[in-house]
Amino acid sequence: MIERSDVLLSVQRALLGAVPSGLRGVACGWNDKQITLLFIFDGPIDPDEEQDMRVVGTEVIADFHAPATIDEQVIRVDSPKSLSGYALQAWAYIRKEASEDNTSL
């Protein structure tokens, strides 16, 4: 069984040293068989930064036993557009933004 605390700790560990300046948030979802990571960027997504997020996903899934799988999505949602519509089960990372009150996430 995939637990909330295991997912969040795994994602936050994998993000250490990997967060680019354009990353606005990382939403996480999970069930018994799959982890979903939604990486949300502000502005154009650099291919190298997208690849870095795929590495984060690889590090996360390595923390879980088969048959667990991972679904990674890298999308662009420019600030000041709200991220609230992109929430999954939890946020592993949210960038501080002056133009938006993130407490509602």
PDB file of N, CA and C in Angstrom:
ATOM      1  N   MET A   1       0.839  -1.189   0.000  1.00  0.00           N
ATOM      2  CA  MET A   1       0.000   0.000   0.000  1.00  0.00           C
ATOM      3  C   MET A   1       0.886   1.255   0.000  1.00  0.00           C
ATOM      4  N   ILE A   2       0.550   2.196  -0.820  1.00  0.00           N
ATOM      5  CA  ILE A   2       1.295   3.447  -0.916  1.00  0.00           C
ATOM      6  C   ILE A   2       0.678   4.450   0.064  1.00  0.00           C
ATOM      7  N   GLU A   3       1.494   4.956   0.960  1.00  0.00           N
ATOM      8  CA  GLU A   3       1.040   5.871   2.005  1.00  0.00           C
ATOM      9  C   GLU A   3       1.399   7.317   1.672  1.00  0.00           C
ATOM     10  N   ARG A   4       0.552   8.241   2.131  1.00  0.00           N
ATOM     11  CA  ARG A   4       0.754   9.672   1.904  1.00  0.00           C
ATOM     12  C   ARG A   4       2.138  10.127   2.369  1.00  0.00           C
ATOM     13  N   SER A   5       2.497   9.770   3.585  1.00  0.00           N
ATOM     14  CA  SER A   5       3.776  10.221   4.135  1.00  0.00           C
ATOM     15  C   SER A   5       4.952   9.692   3.310  1.00  0.00           C
ATOM     16  N   ASP A   6       4.857   8.461   2.835  1.00  0.00           N
ATOM     17  CA  ASP A   6       5.932   7.893   2.021  1.00  0.00           C
ATOM     18  C   ASP A   6       6.090   8.650   0.703  1.00  0.00           C
ATOM     19  N   VAL A   7       4.962   8.997   0.080  1.00  0.00           N
ATOM     20  CA  VAL A   7       5.010   9.729  -1.190  1.00  0.00           C
ATOM     21  C   VAL A   7       5.619  11.112  -0.984  1.00  0.00           C
ATOM     22  N   LEU A   8       5.117  11.847  -0.003  1.00  0.00           N
ATOM     23  CA  LEU A   8       5.597  13.210   0.205  1.00  0.00           C
ATOM     24  C   LEU A   8       7.073  13.246   0.590  1.00  0.00           C
ATOM     25  N   LEU A   9       7.489  12.354   1.472  1.00  0.00           N
ATOM     26  CA  LEU A   9       8.902  12.329   1.853  1.00  0.00           C
ATOM     27  C   LEU A   9       9.787  11.957   0.668  1.00  0.00           C
ATOM     28  N   SER A  10       9.338  11.022  -0.143  1.00  0.00           N
ATOM     29  CA  SER A  10      10.101  10.609  -1.312  1.00  0.00           C
ATOM     30  C   SER A  10      10.236  11.752  -2.313  1.00  0.00           C
ATOM     31  N   VAL A  11       9.134  12.430  -2.596  1.00  0.00           N
ATOM     32  CA  VAL A  11       9.163  13.537  -3.564  1.00  0.00           C
ATOM     33  C   VAL A  11      10.032  14.679  -3.044  1.00  0.00           C
ATOM     34  N   GLN A  12       9.864  15.026  -1.780  1.00  0.00           N
ATOM     35  CA  GLN A  12      10.646  16.131  -1.236  1.00  0.00           C
ATOM     36  C   GLN A  12      12.132  15.809  -1.215  1.00  0.00           C
ATOM     37  N   ARG A  13      12.493  14.562  -0.945  1.00  0.00           N
ATOM     38  CA  ARG A  13      13.891  14.151  -0.982  1.00  0.00           C
ATOM     39  C   ARG A  13      14.427  14.240  -2.415  1.00  0.00           C
ATOM     40  N   ALA A  14      13.643  13.755  -3.358  1.00  0.00           N
ATOM     41  CA  ALA A  14      14.074  13.767  -4.759  1.00  0.00           C
ATOM     42  C   ALA A  14      14.205  15.188  -5.302  1.00  0.00           C
ATOM     43  N   LEU A  15      13.457  16.125  -4.756  1.00  0.00           N
ATOM     44  CA  LEU A  15      13.521  17.517  -5.212  1.00  0.00           C
ATOM     45  C   LEU A  15      14.728  18.278  -4.667  1.00  0.00           C
ATOM     46  N   LEU A  16      15.372  17.745  -3.636  1.00  0.00           N
ATOM     47  CA  LEU A  16      16.518  18.455  -3.049  1.00  0.00           C
ATOM     48  C   LEU A  16      17.573  18.723  -4.112  1.00  0.00           C
ATOM     49  N   GLY A  17      17.890  19.990  -4.299  1.00  0.00           N
ATOM     50  CA  GLY A  17      18.889  20.387  -5.280  1.00  0.00           C
ATOM     51  C   GLY A  17      18.429  20.326  -6.722  1.00  0.00           C
ATOM     52  N   ALA A  18      17.135  20.053  -6.938  1.00  0.00           N
ATOM     53  CA  ALA A  18      16.635  19.887  -8.310  1.00  0.00           C
ATOM     54  C   ALA A  18      15.561  20.899  -8.692  1.00  0.00           C
ATOM     55  N   VAL A  19      15.250  21.847  -7.817  1.00  0.00           N
ATOM     56  CA  VAL A  19      14.141  22.778  -8.069  1.00  0.00           C
ATOM     57  C   VAL A  19      14.631  23.973  -8.888  1.00  0.00           C
ATOM     58  N   PRO A  20      14.199  24.071 -10.146  1.00  0.00           N
ATOM     59  CA  PRO A  20      14.575  25.232 -10.957  1.00  0.00           C
ATOM     60  C   PRO A  20      13.706  26.443 -10.593  1.00  0.00           C
ATOM     61  N   SER A  21      14.161  27.614 -10.957  1.00  0.00           N
ATOM     62  CA  SER A  21      13.453  28.844 -10.574  1.00  0.00           C
ATOM     63  C   SER A  21      12.050  28.941 -11.162  1.00  0.00           C
ATOM     64  N   GLY A  22      11.798  28.295 -12.282  1.00  0.00           N
ATOM     65  CA  GLY A  22      10.484  28.371 -12.911  1.00  0.00           C
ATOM     66  C   GLY A  22       9.457  27.399 -12.365  1.00  0.00           C
ATOM     67  N   LEU A  23       9.852  26.526 -11.458  1.00  0.00           N
ATOM     68  CA  LEU A  23       8.915  25.533 -10.920  1.00  0.00           C
ATOM     69  C   LEU A  23       7.993  26.187  -9.907  1.00  0.00           C
ATOM     70  N   ARG A  24       6.702  26.185 -10.184  1.00  0.00           N
ATOM     71  CA  ARG A  24       5.713  26.785  -9.289  1.00  0.00           C
ATOM     72  C   ARG A  24       5.207  25.806  -8.250  1.00  0.00           C
ATOM     73  N   GLY A  25       5.045  24.559  -8.632  1.00  0.00           N
ATOM     74  CA  GLY A  25       4.511  23.597  -7.688  1.00  0.00           C
ATOM     75  C   GLY A  25       4.661  22.173  -8.181  1.00  0.00           C
ATOM     76  N   VAL A  26       4.569  21.253  -7.213  1.00  0.00           N
ATOM     77  CA  VAL A  26       4.567  19.827  -7.519  1.00  0.00           C
ATOM     78  C   VAL A  26       3.396  19.212  -6.759  1.00  0.00           C
ATOM     79  N   ALA A  27       2.395  18.784  -7.513  1.00  0.00           N
ATOM     80  CA  ALA A  27       1.232  18.123  -6.929  1.00  0.00           C
ATOM     81  C   ALA A  27       1.427  16.616  -7.019  1.00  0.00           C
ATOM     82  N   CYS A  28       0.929  15.912  -6.013  1.00  0.00           N
ATOM     83  CA  CYS A  28       1.092  14.460  -5.944  1.00  0.00           C
ATOM     84  C   CYS A  28      -0.260  13.791  -5.784  1.00  0.00           C
ATOM     85  N   GLY A  29      -0.411  12.679  -6.464  1.00  0.00           N
ATOM     86  CA  GLY A  29      -1.573  11.824  -6.293  1.00  0.00           C
ATOM     87  C   GLY A  29      -1.097  10.384  -6.226  1.00  0.00           C
ATOM     88  N   TRP A  30      -1.875   9.502  -5.630  1.00  0.00           N
ATOM     89  CA  TRP A  30      -1.476   8.109  -5.527  1.00  0.00           C
ATOM     90  C   TRP A  30      -2.682   7.227  -5.236  1.00  0.00           C
ATOM     91  N   ASN A  31      -2.516   5.972  -5.581  1.00  0.00           N
ATOM     92  CA  ASN A  31      -3.455   4.932  -5.180  1.00  0.00           C
ATOM     93  C   ASN A  31      -2.603   3.699  -4.882  1.00  0.00           C
ATOM     94  N   ASP A  32      -3.191   2.536  -4.797  1.00  0.00           N
ATOM     95  CA  ASP A  32      -2.431   1.344  -4.426  1.00  0.00           C
ATOM     96  C   ASP A  32      -1.384   0.938  -5.453  1.00  0.00           C
ATOM     97  N   LYS A  33      -1.524   1.394  -6.695  1.00  0.00           N
ATOM     98  CA  LYS A  33      -0.632   0.930  -7.754  1.00  0.00           C
ATOM     99  C   LYS A  33       0.140   2.015  -8.475  1.00  0.00           C
ATOM    100  N   GLN A  34      -0.257   3.285  -8.311  1.00  0.00           N
ATOM    101  CA  GLN A  34       0.361   4.332  -9.114  1.00  0.00           C
ATOM    102  C   GLN A  34       0.543   5.612  -8.323  1.00  0.00           C
ATOM    103  N   ILE A  35       1.660   6.291  -8.636  1.00  0.00           N
ATOM    104  CA  ILE A  35       1.939   7.625  -8.111  1.00  0.00           C
ATOM    105  C   ILE A  35       1.883   8.580  -9.296  1.00  0.00           C
ATOM    106  N   THR A  36       1.190   9.705  -9.121  1.00  0.00           N
ATOM    107  CA  THR A  36       1.124  10.737 -10.154  1.00  0.00           C
ATOM    108  C   THR A  36       1.838  11.976  -9.640  1.00  0.00           C
ATOM    109  N   LEU A  37       2.745  12.502 -10.450  1.00  0.00           N
ATOM    110  CA  LEU A  37       3.436  13.743 -10.128  1.00  0.00           C
ATOM    111  C   LEU A  37       3.130  14.761 -11.213  1.00  0.00           C
ATOM    112  N   LEU A  38       2.666  15.921 -10.799  1.00  0.00           N
ATOM    113  CA  LEU A  38       2.348  17.013 -11.715  1.00  0.00           C
ATOM    114  C   LEU A  38       3.298  18.161 -11.406  1.00  0.00           C
ATOM    115  N   PHE A  39       4.248  18.396 -12.304  1.00  0.00           N
ATOM    116  CA  PHE A  39       5.227  19.466 -12.163  1.00  0.00           C
ATOM    117  C   PHE A  39       4.701  20.675 -12.925  1.00  0.00           C
ATOM    118  N   ILE A  40       4.504  21.780 -12.227  1.00  0.00           N
ATOM    119  CA  ILE A  40       3.882  22.964 -12.823  1.00  0.00           C
ATOM    120  C   ILE A  40       4.920  24.082 -12.930  1.00  0.00           C
ATOM    121  N   PHE A  41       5.142  24.533 -14.156  1.00  0.00           N
ATOM    122  CA  PHE A  41       6.145  25.562 -14.430  1.00  0.00           C
ATOM    123  C   PHE A  41       5.499  26.885 -14.805  1.00  0.00           C
ATOM    124  N   ASP A  42       6.233  27.950 -14.523  1.00  0.00           N
ATOM    125  CA  ASP A  42       5.884  29.310 -14.922  1.00  0.00           C
ATOM    126  C   ASP A  42       6.783  29.666 -16.103  1.00  0.00           C
ATOM    127  N   GLY A  43       6.184  29.993 -17.228  1.00  0.00           N
ATOM    128  CA  GLY A  43       6.968  30.349 -18.408  1.00  0.00           C
ATOM    129  C   GLY A  43       7.369  29.125 -19.206  1.00  0.00           C
ATOM    130  N   PRO A  44       8.144  29.351 -20.260  1.00  0.00           N
ATOM    131  CA  PRO A  44       8.567  28.242 -21.118  1.00  0.00           C
ATOM    132  C   PRO A  44       9.331  27.188 -20.317  1.00  0.00           C
ATOM    133  N   ILE A  45       9.101  25.934 -20.657  1.00  0.00           N
ATOM    134  CA  ILE A  45       9.754  24.829 -19.955  1.00  0.00           C
ATOM    135  C   ILE A  45      10.999  24.436 -20.733  1.00  0.00           C
ATOM    136  N   ASP A  46      12.136  24.641 -20.122  1.00  0.00           N
ATOM    137  CA  ASP A  46      13.419  24.259 -20.723  1.00  0.00           C
ATOM    138  C   ASP A  46      13.495  22.732 -20.784  1.00  0.00           C
ATOM    139  N   PRO A  47      13.906  22.170 -21.911  1.00  0.00           N
ATOM    140  CA  PRO A  47      13.993  20.707 -22.023  1.00  0.00           C
ATOM    141  C   PRO A  47      14.880  20.068 -20.946  1.00  0.00           C
ATOM    142  N   ASP A  48      15.950  20.749 -20.561  1.00  0.00           N
ATOM    143  CA  ASP A  48      16.817  20.212 -19.509  1.00  0.00           C
ATOM    144  C   ASP A  48      16.092  20.175 -18.162  1.00  0.00           C
ATOM    145  N   GLU A  49      15.290  21.200 -17.896  1.00  0.00           N
ATOM    146  CA  GLU A  49      14.535  21.228 -16.645  1.00  0.00           C
ATOM    147  C   GLU A  49      13.437  20.169 -16.651  1.00  0.00           C
ATOM    148  N   GLU A  50      12.818  19.953 -17.811  1.00  0.00           N
ATOM    149  CA  GLU A  50      11.830  18.876 -17.903  1.00  0.00           C
ATOM    150  C   GLU A  50      12.495  17.531 -17.638  1.00  0.00           C
ATOM    151  N   GLN A  51      13.678  17.329 -18.200  1.00  0.00           N
ATOM    152  CA  GLN A  51      14.412  16.088 -17.956  1.00  0.00           C
ATOM    153  C   GLN A  51      14.769  15.942 -16.474  1.00  0.00           C
ATOM    154  N   ASP A  52      15.128  17.045 -15.834  1.00  0.00           N
ATOM    155  CA  ASP A  52      15.419  17.008 -14.392  1.00  0.00           C
ATOM    156  C   ASP A  52      14.203  16.538 -13.600  1.00  0.00           C
ATOM    157  N   MET A  53      13.007  16.953 -14.016  1.00  0.00           N
ATOM    158  CA  MET A  53      11.793  16.531 -13.318  1.00  0.00           C
ATOM    159  C   MET A  53      11.528  15.040 -13.564  1.00  0.00           C
ATOM    160  N   ARG A  54      11.888  14.557 -14.733  1.00  0.00           N
ATOM    161  CA  ARG A  54      11.755  13.120 -15.013  1.00  0.00           C
ATOM    162  C   ARG A  54      12.709  12.314 -14.124  1.00  0.00           C
ATOM    163  N   VAL A  55      13.881  12.870 -13.862  1.00  0.00           N
ATOM    164  CA  VAL A  55      14.823  12.226 -12.941  1.00  0.00           C
ATOM    165  C   VAL A  55      14.228  12.194 -11.532  1.00  0.00           C
ATOM    166  N   VAL A  56      13.586  13.277 -11.125  1.00  0.00           N
ATOM    167  CA  VAL A  56      12.896  13.294  -9.830  1.00  0.00           C
ATOM    168  C   VAL A  56      11.897  12.136  -9.774  1.00  0.00           C
ATOM    169  N   GLY A  57      11.104  11.984 -10.821  1.00  0.00           N
ATOM    170  CA  GLY A  57      10.136  10.892 -10.870  1.00  0.00           C
ATOM    171  C   GLY A  57      10.785   9.530 -10.767  1.00  0.00           C
ATOM    172  N   THR A  58      11.914   9.362 -11.433  1.00  0.00           N
ATOM    173  CA  THR A  58      12.644   8.096 -11.380  1.00  0.00           C
ATOM    174  C   THR A  58      13.127   7.818  -9.958  1.00  0.00           C
ATOM    175  N   GLU A  59      13.631   8.850  -9.295  1.00  0.00           N
ATOM    176  CA  GLU A  59      14.087   8.680  -7.914  1.00  0.00           C
ATOM    177  C   GLU A  59      12.923   8.337  -6.989  1.00  0.00           C
ATOM    178  N   VAL A  60      11.768   8.927  -7.244  1.00  0.00           N
ATOM    179  CA  VAL A  60      10.590   8.640  -6.422  1.00  0.00           C
ATOM    180  C   VAL A  60      10.154   7.189  -6.596  1.00  0.00           C
ATOM    181  N   ILE A  61       9.963   6.739  -7.818  1.00  0.00           N
ATOM    182  CA  ILE A  61       9.448   5.387  -8.030  1.00  0.00           C
ATOM    183  C   ILE A  61      10.442   4.342  -7.536  1.00  0.00           C
ATOM    184  N   ALA A  62      11.721   4.676  -7.501  1.00  0.00           N
ATOM    185  CA  ALA A  62      12.723   3.740  -6.977  1.00  0.00           C
ATOM    186  C   ALA A  62      12.526   3.469  -5.484  1.00  0.00           C
ATOM    187  N   ASP A  63      11.808   4.344  -4.798  1.00  0.00           N
ATOM    188  CA  ASP A  63      11.535   4.157  -3.375  1.00  0.00           C
ATOM    189  C   ASP A  63      10.384   3.187  -3.110  1.00  0.00           C
ATOM    190  N   PHE A  64       9.691   2.747  -4.155  1.00  0.00           N
ATOM    191  CA  PHE A  64       8.503   1.907  -3.990  1.00  0.00           C
ATOM    192  C   PHE A  64       8.699   0.579  -4.708  1.00  0.00           C
ATOM    193  N   HIS A  65       8.031  -0.431  -4.197  1.00  0.00           N
ATOM    194  CA  HIS A  65       8.143  -1.778  -4.760  1.00  0.00           C
ATOM    195  C   HIS A  65       7.157  -1.980  -5.902  1.00  0.00           C
ATOM    196  N   ALA A  66       7.517  -2.879  -6.820  1.00  0.00           N
ATOM    197  CA  ALA A  66       6.601  -3.287  -7.883  1.00  0.00           C
ATOM    198  C   ALA A  66       5.366  -3.891  -7.222  1.00  0.00           C
ATOM    199  N   PRO A  67       4.208  -3.703  -7.774  1.00  0.00           N
ATOM    200  CA  PRO A  67       3.910  -3.237  -9.123  1.00  0.00           C
ATOM    201  C   PRO A  67       3.649  -1.732  -9.229  1.00  0.00           C
ATOM    202  N   ALA A  68       4.145  -0.939  -8.283  1.00  0.00           N
ATOM    203  CA  ALA A  68       3.920   0.509  -8.328  1.00  0.00           C
ATOM    204  C   ALA A  68       4.499   1.103  -9.608  1.00  0.00           C
ATOM    205  N   THR A  69       3.755   2.025 -10.206  1.00  0.00           N
ATOM    206  CA  THR A  69       4.193   2.740 -11.401  1.00  0.00           C
ATOM    207  C   THR A  69       4.096   4.236 -11.143  1.00  0.00           C
ATOM    208  N   ILE A  70       4.628   5.009 -12.073  1.00  0.00           N
ATOM    209  CA  ILE A  70       4.590   6.458 -11.920  1.00  0.00           C
ATOM    210  C   ILE A  70       4.082   7.105 -13.196  1.00  0.00           C
ATOM    211  N   ASP A  71       3.299   8.158 -13.019  1.00  0.00           N
ATOM    212  CA  ASP A  71       2.817   8.983 -14.125  1.00  0.00           C
ATOM    213  C   ASP A  71       3.329  10.385 -13.855  1.00  0.00           C
ATOM    214  N   GLU A  72       4.178  10.905 -14.734  1.00  0.00           N
ATOM    215  CA  GLU A  72       4.748  12.240 -14.576  1.00  0.00           C
ATOM    216  C   GLU A  72       4.184  13.152 -15.655  1.00  0.00           C
ATOM    217  N   GLN A  73       3.731  14.311 -15.237  1.00  0.00           N
ATOM    218  CA  GLN A  73       3.249  15.306 -16.185  1.00  0.00           C
ATOM    219  C   GLN A  73       3.962  16.621 -15.891  1.00  0.00           C
ATOM    220  N   VAL A  74       4.458  17.251 -16.929  1.00  0.00           N
ATOM    221  CA  VAL A  74       5.137  18.542 -16.808  1.00  0.00           C
ATOM    222  C   VAL A  74       4.326  19.529 -17.628  1.00  0.00           C
ATOM    223  N   ILE A  75       3.764  20.528 -16.949  1.00  0.00           N
ATOM    224  CA  ILE A  75       2.884  21.475 -17.635  1.00  0.00           C
ATOM    225  C   ILE A  75       3.287  22.910 -17.328  1.00  0.00           C
ATOM    226  N   ARG A  76       2.763  23.803 -18.148  1.00  0.00           N
ATOM    227  CA  ARG A  76       2.995  25.239 -17.971  1.00  0.00           C
ATOM    228  C   ARG A  76       1.702  25.908 -17.514  1.00  0.00           C
ATOM    229  N   VAL A  77       1.791  26.618 -16.392  1.00  0.00           N
ATOM    230  CA  VAL A  77       0.687  27.431 -15.885  1.00  0.00           C
ATOM    231  C   VAL A  77       1.328  28.727 -15.396  1.00  0.00           C
ATOM    232  N   ASP A  78       1.223  29.760 -16.213  1.00  0.00           N
ATOM    233  CA  ASP A  78       1.909  31.008 -15.896  1.00  0.00           C
ATOM    234  C   ASP A  78       1.279  31.741 -14.721  1.00  0.00           C
ATOM    235  N   SER A  79       2.151  32.314 -13.891  1.00  0.00           N
ATOM    236  CA  SER A  79       1.739  33.173 -12.792  1.00  0.00           C
ATOM    237  C   SER A  79       1.158  34.448 -13.404  1.00  0.00           C
ATOM    238  N   PRO A  80       0.106  35.000 -12.872  1.00  0.00           N
ATOM    239  CA  PRO A  80      -0.501  34.782 -11.566  1.00  0.00           C
ATOM    240  C   PRO A  80      -1.686  33.810 -11.572  1.00  0.00           C
ATOM    241  N   LYS A  81      -1.846  33.000 -12.605  1.00  0.00           N
ATOM    242  CA  LYS A  81      -2.963  32.056 -12.627  1.00  0.00           C
ATOM    243  C   LYS A  81      -2.884  31.141 -11.407  1.00  0.00           C
ATOM    244  N   SER A  82      -4.012  30.927 -10.771  1.00  0.00           N
ATOM    245  CA  SER A  82      -4.082  30.091  -9.577  1.00  0.00           C
ATOM    246  C   SER A  82      -3.741  28.640  -9.881  1.00  0.00           C
ATOM    247  N   LEU A  83      -3.110  28.004  -8.924  1.00  0.00           N
ATOM    248  CA  LEU A  83      -2.787  26.584  -9.034  1.00  0.00           C
ATOM    249  C   LEU A  83      -3.861  25.699  -8.408  1.00  0.00           C
ATOM    250  N   SER A  84      -4.861  26.299  -7.815  1.00  0.00           N
ATOM    251  CA  SER A  84      -5.858  25.515  -7.070  1.00  0.00           C
ATOM    252  C   SER A  84      -6.561  24.468  -7.936  1.00  0.00           C
ATOM    253  N   GLY A  85      -6.753  24.734  -9.191  1.00  0.00           N
ATOM    254  CA  GLY A  85      -7.402  23.768 -10.068  1.00  0.00           C
ATOM    255  C   GLY A  85      -6.506  22.607 -10.476  1.00  0.00           C
ATOM    256  N   TYR A  86      -5.257  22.651 -10.078  1.00  0.00           N
ATOM    257  CA  TYR A  86      -4.297  21.608 -10.436  1.00  0.00           C
ATOM    258  C   TYR A  86      -3.935  20.712  -9.251  1.00  0.00           C
ATOM    259  N   ALA A  87      -4.565  20.947  -8.120  1.00  0.00           N
ATOM    260  CA  ALA A  87      -4.268  20.157  -6.924  1.00  0.00           C
ATOM    261  C   ALA A  87      -4.668  18.703  -7.136  1.00  0.00           C
ATOM    262  N   LEU A  88      -3.850  17.811  -6.636  1.00  0.00           N
ATOM    263  CA  LEU A  88      -4.180  16.394  -6.600  1.00  0.00           C
ATOM    264  C   LEU A  88      -4.465  16.065  -5.135  1.00  0.00           C
ATOM    265  N   GLN A  89      -3.872  15.024  -4.586  1.00  0.00           N
ATOM    266  CA  GLN A  89      -4.129  14.689  -3.185  1.00  0.00           C
ATOM    267  C   GLN A  89      -3.300  15.518  -2.215  1.00  0.00           C
ATOM    268  N   ALA A  90      -2.121  15.970  -2.652  1.00  0.00           N
ATOM    269  CA  ALA A  90      -1.256  16.765  -1.776  1.00  0.00           C
ATOM    270  C   ALA A  90      -0.276  17.563  -2.621  1.00  0.00           C
ATOM    271  N   TRP A  91       0.242  18.619  -2.026  1.00  0.00           N
ATOM    272  CA  TRP A  91       1.305  19.409  -2.636  1.00  0.00           C
ATOM    273  C   TRP A  91       2.613  19.034  -1.961  1.00  0.00           C
ATOM    274  N   ALA A  92       3.615  18.645  -2.737  1.00  0.00           N
ATOM    275  CA  ALA A  92       4.948  18.365  -2.196  1.00  0.00           C
ATOM    276  C   ALA A  92       5.792  19.632  -2.200  1.00  0.00           C
ATOM    277  N   TYR A  93       5.431  20.570  -3.093  1.00  0.00           N
ATOM    278  CA  TYR A  93       6.190  21.810  -3.216  1.00  0.00           C
ATOM    279  C   TYR A  93       5.281  22.886  -3.780  1.00  0.00           C
ATOM    280  N   ILE A  94       5.375  24.079  -3.208  1.00  0.00           N
ATOM    281  CA  ILE A  94       4.684  25.267  -3.722  1.00  0.00           C
ATOM    282  C   ILE A  94       5.653  26.448  -3.600  1.00  0.00           C
ATOM    283  N   ARG A  95       5.870  27.139  -4.696  1.00  0.00           N
ATOM    284  CA  ARG A  95       6.727  28.329  -4.698  1.00  0.00           C
ATOM    285  C   ARG A  95       5.983  29.494  -4.069  1.00  0.00           C
ATOM    286  N   LYS A  96       6.675  30.299  -3.286  1.00  0.00           N
ATOM    287  CA  LYS A  96       6.080  31.507  -2.742  1.00  0.00           C
ATOM    288  C   LYS A  96       5.923  32.527  -3.868  1.00  0.00           C
ATOM    289  N   GLU A  97       4.707  33.052  -3.973  1.00  0.00           N
ATOM    290  CA  GLU A  97       4.415  34.033  -5.016  1.00  0.00           C
ATOM    291  C   GLU A  97       3.682  35.197  -4.389  1.00  0.00           C
ATOM    292  N   ALA A  98       4.180  36.393  -4.615  1.00  0.00           N
ATOM    293  CA  ALA A  98       3.605  37.590  -4.022  1.00  0.00           C
ATOM    294  C   ALA A  98       2.191  37.850  -4.516  1.00  0.00           C
ATOM    295  N   SER A  99       1.877  37.433  -5.728  1.00  0.00           N
ATOM    296  CA  SER A  99       0.589  37.786  -6.330  1.00  0.00           C
ATOM    297  C   SER A  99      -0.534  36.830  -5.979  1.00  0.00           C
ATOM    298  N   GLU A 100      -0.248  35.789  -5.204  1.00  0.00           N
ATOM    299  CA  GLU A 100      -1.286  34.798  -4.932  1.00  0.00           C
ATOM    300  C   GLU A 100      -1.181  34.329  -3.493  1.00  0.00           C
ATOM    301  N   ASP A 101      -2.320  34.139  -2.857  1.00  0.00           N
ATOM    302  CA  ASP A 101      -2.363  33.600  -1.493  1.00  0.00           C
ATOM    303  C   ASP A 101      -2.390  32.075  -1.592  1.00  0.00           C
ATOM    304  N   ASN A 102      -1.261  31.433  -1.343  1.00  0.00           N
ATOM    305  CA  ASN A 102      -1.157  29.983  -1.460  1.00  0.00           C
ATOM    306  C   ASN A 102      -1.801  29.242  -0.286  1.00  0.00           C
ATOM    307  N   THR A 103      -2.286  29.964   0.706  1.00  0.00           N
ATOM    308  CA  THR A 103      -2.879  29.275   1.852  1.00  0.00           C
ATOM    309  C   THR A 103      -4.162  28.549   1.467  1.00  0.00           C
ATOM    310  N   SER A 104      -4.765  28.909   0.348  1.00  0.00           N
ATOM    311  CA  SER A 104      -5.999  28.246  -0.065  1.00  0.00           C
ATOM    312  C   SER A 104      -5.728  26.930  -0.789  1.00  0.00           C
ATOM    313  N   LEU A 105      -4.465  26.622  -1.054  1.00  0.00           N
ATOM    314  CA  LEU A 105      -4.128  25.384  -1.745  1.00  0.00           C
ATOM    315  C   LEU A 105      -4.204  24.259  -0.773  1.00  0.00           C
TER     316      LEU A 105
END
